[in-house]
Amino acid sequence: MPAILGALKVISVGSAGVVHIGDVAVIAPKATAKTYAGSGSFNTGDFPSSYNVVSATNTNDQDIFDENVTGL
């Protein structure tokens, strides 16, 4: 089924990012990353605002491998 889009705003796409508009069967990016950030860090929009008095992020990770990605 075709996609009907209105306005689309792409700020940036990383080197392993995927931007696809329309029908797709499989999207398989070839990179993984782990990002730690406090509350309100990933707000999006033109005028984001966040009111956090105390924010703490737990970065203790016991896993050795989270996602195994092979291939190019």
Protein backbone atom coordinates (compact mmCIF):
# COMPACT_ATOMS: atom_id res chain seq x y z
CA MET A 1 0.00 0.00 0.00
CA PRO A 2 1.54 3.33 -0.99
CA ALA A 3 2.47 5.85 1.66
CA ILE A 4 1.05 9.36 1.47
CA LEU A 5 3.30 11.88 3.19
CA GLY A 6 2.88 15.49 4.12
CA ALA A 7 5.84 17.59 5.14
CA LEU A 8 9.03 15.67 5.97
CA LYS A 9 11.95 17.15 7.90
CA VAL A 10 15.18 15.12 8.06
CA ILE A 11 17.80 16.86 10.18
CA SER A 12 20.65 14.38 9.77
CA VAL A 13 21.37 10.77 8.89
CA GLY A 14 24.40 8.96 10.29
CA SER A 15 26.82 6.86 8.25
CA ALA A 16 24.97 3.64 9.12
CA GLY A 17 21.50 5.20 9.13
CA VAL A 18 18.59 4.24 6.92
CA VAL A 19 15.99 6.63 5.50
CA HIS A 20 13.31 4.94 3.46
CA ILE A 21 10.03 6.41 2.31
CA GLY A 22 7.47 4.04 0.89
CA ASP A 23 6.95 0.28 0.98
CA VAL A 24 9.78 -1.95 2.16
CA ALA A 25 10.18 -5.62 3.04
CA VAL A 26 13.38 -5.58 5.12
CA ILE A 27 15.57 -2.76 6.43
CA ALA A 28 18.80 -4.02 7.97
CA PRO A 29 21.30 -1.41 9.18
CA LYS A 30 24.84 -2.75 9.55
CA ALA A 31 25.92 -0.97 12.72
CA THR A 32 24.89 -0.84 16.36
CA ALA A 33 25.56 1.63 19.14
CA LYS A 34 24.65 2.12 22.76
CA THR A 35 23.81 5.62 23.93
CA TYR A 36 23.35 6.77 27.49
CA ALA A 37 21.49 10.00 28.14
CA GLY A 38 19.50 11.61 30.92
CA SER A 39 15.83 12.46 30.93
CA GLY A 40 14.78 14.92 28.26
CA SER A 41 17.92 14.33 26.17
CA PHE A 42 16.16 13.07 23.05
CA ASN A 43 13.39 15.65 22.82
CA THR A 44 12.54 16.48 19.23
CA GLY A 45 10.79 19.40 17.62
CA ASP A 46 11.51 23.01 16.82
CA PHE A 47 11.18 24.38 20.37
CA PRO A 48 11.89 21.58 22.87
CA SER A 49 11.87 22.29 26.59
CA SER A 50 12.50 20.00 29.51
CA TYR A 51 12.18 20.71 33.23
CA ASN A 52 14.16 18.14 35.22
CA VAL A 53 15.30 18.93 38.73
CA VAL A 54 17.33 15.73 39.21
CA SER A 55 18.37 13.35 36.45
CA ALA A 56 20.61 10.29 36.87
CA THR A 57 21.46 7.74 34.20
CA ASN A 58 22.59 4.22 35.11
CA THR A 59 25.42 3.19 32.75
CA ASN A 60 26.28 -0.10 34.45
CA ASP A 61 25.84 -2.85 31.83
CA GLN A 62 26.63 -6.49 32.61
CA ASP A 63 26.18 -7.71 29.01
CA ILE A 64 29.28 -8.41 26.96
CA PHE A 65 27.52 -8.31 23.59
CA ASP A 66 24.12 -6.64 23.17
CA GLU A 67 23.61 -7.12 19.43
CA ASN A 68 25.85 -9.07 17.11
CA VAL A 69 25.94 -7.53 13.64
CA THR A 70 27.81 -9.25 10.82
CA GLY A 71 28.32 -8.24 7.22
CA LEU A 72 29.05 -4.97 5.47
